[in-house]
Amino acid sequence: MAEQADKRADLDLQVSLLKEHEVTRLITLVKEIAEKLDVDGSRHPELPGLQKDVAPERVLDALEENQRRISNGG
């Protein structure tokens, strides 16, 4: 059961990272359309941060580091 849970967790992480990548691309596309149409919201200060792709390897490294801390007692 633990092995199945690990596989499900891995699959869930992969799906989440894929969704994050797709949403990032959509944000970029919608922002470009909004800029072309001169929509005020296209200059929102949060957009550059939202357009940055999440690096899967950094996410995995952070998860592994967090797991090591938990395993070592905090």
N, C-alpha and C. Protein backbone atom coordinates (compact mmCIF):
# COMPACT_ATOMS: atom_id res chain seq x y z
N MET A 1 0.83 -1.20 0.00
CA MET A 1 0.00 0.00 0.00
C MET A 1 0.86 1.25 0.00
N ALA A 2 1.97 1.21 0.75
CA ALA A 2 2.86 2.37 0.81
C ALA A 2 3.47 2.65 -0.55
N GLU A 3 3.81 1.58 -1.27
CA GLU A 3 4.38 1.74 -2.61
C GLU A 3 3.37 2.38 -3.56
N GLN A 4 2.11 1.95 -3.46
CA GLN A 4 1.06 2.55 -4.29
C GLN A 4 0.86 4.02 -3.94
N ALA A 5 0.90 4.33 -2.67
CA ALA A 5 0.76 5.73 -2.23
C ALA A 5 1.90 6.57 -2.77
N ASP A 6 3.11 6.03 -2.76
CA ASP A 6 4.26 6.76 -3.31
C ASP A 6 4.10 7.00 -4.81
N LYS A 7 3.62 5.97 -5.52
CA LYS A 7 3.41 6.12 -6.96
C LYS A 7 2.33 7.16 -7.24
N ARG A 8 1.27 7.14 -6.46
CA ARG A 8 0.21 8.14 -6.63
C ARG A 8 0.73 9.55 -6.36
N ALA A 9 1.53 9.67 -5.32
CA ALA A 9 2.10 10.98 -4.97
C ALA A 9 3.02 11.47 -6.08
N ASP A 10 3.83 10.58 -6.65
CA ASP A 10 4.70 10.96 -7.75
C ASP A 10 3.89 11.40 -8.97
N LEU A 11 2.87 10.64 -9.28
CA LEU A 11 2.02 10.99 -10.41
C LEU A 11 1.32 12.32 -10.17
N ASP A 12 0.82 12.52 -8.97
CA ASP A 12 0.16 13.78 -8.62
C ASP A 12 1.11 14.95 -8.78
N LEU A 13 2.36 14.79 -8.35
CA LEU A 13 3.36 15.84 -8.50
C LEU A 13 3.62 16.13 -9.97
N GLN A 14 3.75 15.09 -10.78
CA GLN A 14 3.99 15.28 -12.21
C GLN A 14 2.83 16.01 -12.88
N VAL A 15 1.63 15.64 -12.53
CA VAL A 15 0.44 16.30 -13.10
C VAL A 15 0.39 17.76 -12.65
N SER A 16 0.69 18.01 -11.40
CA SER A 16 0.68 19.38 -10.88
C SER A 16 1.72 20.25 -11.58
N LEU A 17 2.91 19.70 -11.80
CA LEU A 17 3.95 20.45 -12.50
C LEU A 17 3.56 20.72 -13.95
N LEU A 18 2.93 19.75 -14.59
CA LEU A 18 2.47 19.95 -15.96
C LEU A 18 1.39 21.03 -16.00
N LYS A 19 0.46 20.98 -15.06
CA LYS A 19 -0.60 22.00 -15.01
C LYS A 19 0.00 23.38 -14.78
N GLU A 20 0.98 23.46 -13.90
CA GLU A 20 1.65 24.73 -13.62
C GLU A 20 2.30 25.28 -14.89
N HIS A 21 2.95 24.42 -15.64
CA HIS A 21 3.59 24.83 -16.89
C HIS A 21 2.55 25.35 -17.88
N GLU A 22 1.45 24.62 -18.01
CA GLU A 22 0.40 25.02 -18.94
C GLU A 22 -0.24 26.35 -18.53
N VAL A 23 -0.49 26.53 -17.26
CA VAL A 23 -1.08 27.78 -16.78
C VAL A 23 -0.13 28.95 -17.03
N THR A 24 1.16 28.72 -16.82
CA THR A 24 2.16 29.75 -17.07
C THR A 24 2.12 30.17 -18.53
N ARG A 25 2.03 29.21 -19.43
CA ARG A 25 1.96 29.53 -20.86
C ARG A 25 0.68 30.30 -21.19
N LEU A 26 -0.42 29.91 -20.58
CA LEU A 26 -1.68 30.61 -20.82
C LEU A 26 -1.62 32.06 -20.31
N ILE A 27 -1.01 32.26 -19.15
CA ILE A 27 -0.86 33.61 -18.61
C ILE A 27 -0.06 34.47 -19.59
N THR A 28 1.02 33.91 -20.11
CA THR A 28 1.85 34.64 -21.06
C THR A 28 1.06 35.00 -22.32
N LEU A 29 0.32 34.05 -22.84
CA LEU A 29 -0.48 34.29 -24.04
C LEU A 29 -1.56 35.34 -23.80
N VAL A 30 -2.28 35.22 -22.71
CA VAL A 30 -3.35 36.18 -22.40
C VAL A 30 -2.77 37.57 -22.17
N LYS A 31 -1.63 37.65 -21.51
CA LYS A 31 -0.98 38.95 -21.28
C LYS A 31 -0.60 39.60 -22.61
N GLU A 32 -0.05 38.80 -23.52
CA GLU A 32 0.31 39.34 -24.83
C GLU A 32 -0.92 39.85 -25.58
N ILE A 33 -2.01 39.12 -25.52
CA ILE A 33 -3.26 39.55 -26.15
C ILE A 33 -3.75 40.85 -25.50
N ALA A 34 -3.72 40.88 -24.17
CA ALA A 34 -4.18 42.07 -23.44
C ALA A 34 -3.32 43.29 -23.77
N GLU A 35 -2.01 43.09 -23.91
CA GLU A 35 -1.13 44.21 -24.27
C GLU A 35 -1.48 44.72 -25.67
N LYS A 36 -1.72 43.80 -26.58
CA LYS A 36 -2.05 44.19 -27.95
C LYS A 36 -3.36 44.98 -28.00
N LEU A 37 -4.30 44.62 -27.12
CA LEU A 37 -5.59 45.31 -27.06
C LEU A 37 -5.57 46.51 -26.11
N ASP A 38 -4.41 46.78 -25.52
CA ASP A 38 -4.21 47.88 -24.59
C ASP A 38 -5.15 47.81 -23.38
N VAL A 39 -5.27 46.64 -22.81
CA VAL A 39 -6.08 46.41 -21.62
C VAL A 39 -5.24 46.78 -20.40
N ASP A 40 -5.82 47.56 -19.48
CA ASP A 40 -5.07 48.03 -18.30
C ASP A 40 -4.47 46.88 -17.49
N GLY A 41 -5.19 45.80 -17.34
CA GLY A 41 -4.72 44.69 -16.53
C GLY A 41 -3.46 44.03 -17.05
N SER A 42 -3.09 44.31 -18.28
CA SER A 42 -1.89 43.69 -18.86
C SER A 42 -0.61 44.21 -18.22
N ARG A 43 -0.73 45.28 -17.43
CA ARG A 43 0.44 45.85 -16.77
C ARG A 43 0.44 45.59 -15.26
N HIS A 44 -0.35 44.61 -14.84
CA HIS A 44 -0.43 44.30 -13.41
C HIS A 44 0.95 43.87 -12.91
N PRO A 45 1.39 44.37 -11.76
CA PRO A 45 2.74 44.09 -11.27
C PRO A 45 3.02 42.62 -10.92
N GLU A 46 1.98 41.82 -10.70
CA GLU A 46 2.20 40.40 -10.38
C GLU A 46 2.47 39.54 -11.61
N LEU A 47 2.12 40.03 -12.79
CA LEU A 47 2.21 39.20 -13.99
C LEU A 47 3.62 38.69 -14.30
N PRO A 48 4.66 39.49 -14.20
CA PRO A 48 5.99 38.93 -14.50
C PRO A 48 6.34 37.72 -13.62
N GLY A 49 5.97 37.76 -12.37
CA GLY A 49 6.23 36.63 -11.49
C GLY A 49 5.41 35.41 -11.86
N LEU A 50 4.18 35.64 -12.28
CA LEU A 50 3.31 34.53 -12.68
C LEU A 50 3.73 33.91 -14.00
N GLN A 51 4.47 34.66 -14.80
CA GLN A 51 4.92 34.16 -16.10
C GLN A 51 6.18 33.31 -15.99
N LYS A 52 6.80 33.26 -14.83
CA LYS A 52 8.02 32.47 -14.67
C LYS A 52 7.67 30.99 -14.54
N ASP A 53 8.36 30.19 -15.33
CA ASP A 53 8.16 28.74 -15.26
C ASP A 53 8.72 28.18 -13.96
N VAL A 54 8.04 27.23 -13.41
CA VAL A 54 8.54 26.52 -12.23
C VAL A 54 9.52 25.47 -12.71
N ALA A 55 10.70 25.45 -12.12
CA ALA A 55 11.71 24.45 -12.48
C ALA A 55 11.44 23.17 -11.70
N PRO A 56 11.02 22.10 -12.38
CA PRO A 56 10.69 20.85 -11.67
C PRO A 56 11.83 20.34 -10.79
N GLU A 57 13.06 20.47 -11.27
CA GLU A 57 14.18 19.97 -10.47
C GLU A 57 14.33 20.74 -9.17
N ARG A 58 14.02 22.04 -9.18
CA ARG A 58 14.08 22.82 -7.94
C ARG A 58 12.98 22.40 -6.99
N VAL A 59 11.81 22.11 -7.52
CA VAL A 59 10.70 21.64 -6.68
C VAL A 59 11.06 20.31 -6.04
N LEU A 60 11.59 19.40 -6.84
CA LEU A 60 11.97 18.08 -6.33
C LEU A 60 13.09 18.19 -5.30
N ASP A 61 14.07 19.05 -5.56
CA ASP A 61 15.16 19.26 -4.59
C ASP A 61 14.61 19.78 -3.27
N ALA A 62 13.68 20.73 -3.34
CA ALA A 62 13.10 21.29 -2.11
C ALA A 62 12.30 20.23 -1.35
N LEU A 63 11.56 19.39 -2.08
CA LEU A 63 10.80 18.32 -1.44
C LEU A 63 11.73 17.32 -0.77
N GLU A 64 12.81 16.97 -1.46
CA GLU A 64 13.77 16.02 -0.87
C GLU A 64 14.44 16.61 0.36
N GLU A 65 14.79 17.88 0.30
CA GLU A 65 15.42 18.54 1.45
C GLU A 65 14.45 18.58 2.63
N ASN A 66 13.19 18.89 2.36
CA ASN A 66 12.18 18.90 3.39
C ASN A 66 12.01 17.51 4.01
N GLN A 67 12.00 16.49 3.17
CA GLN A 67 11.87 15.11 3.66
C GLN A 67 13.07 14.72 4.53
N ARG A 68 14.28 15.15 4.14
CA ARG A 68 15.48 14.87 4.94
C ARG A 68 15.37 15.52 6.32
N ARG A 69 14.88 16.77 6.34
CA ARG A 69 14.73 17.46 7.62
C ARG A 69 13.73 16.74 8.52
N ILE A 70 12.64 16.29 7.93
CA ILE A 70 11.61 15.57 8.71
C ILE A 70 12.20 14.26 9.24
N SER A 71 12.94 13.57 8.39
CA SER A 71 13.53 12.29 8.77
C SER A 71 14.59 12.45 9.87
N ASN A 72 15.25 13.61 9.88
CA ASN A 72 16.30 13.86 10.88
C ASN A 72 15.76 14.53 12.14
N GLY A 73 14.47 14.60 12.27
CA GLY A 73 13.87 15.12 13.50
C GLY A 73 13.62 16.60 13.52
N GLY A 74 13.48 17.21 12.36
CA GLY A 74 13.09 18.61 12.35
C GLY A 74 14.04 19.47 11.70
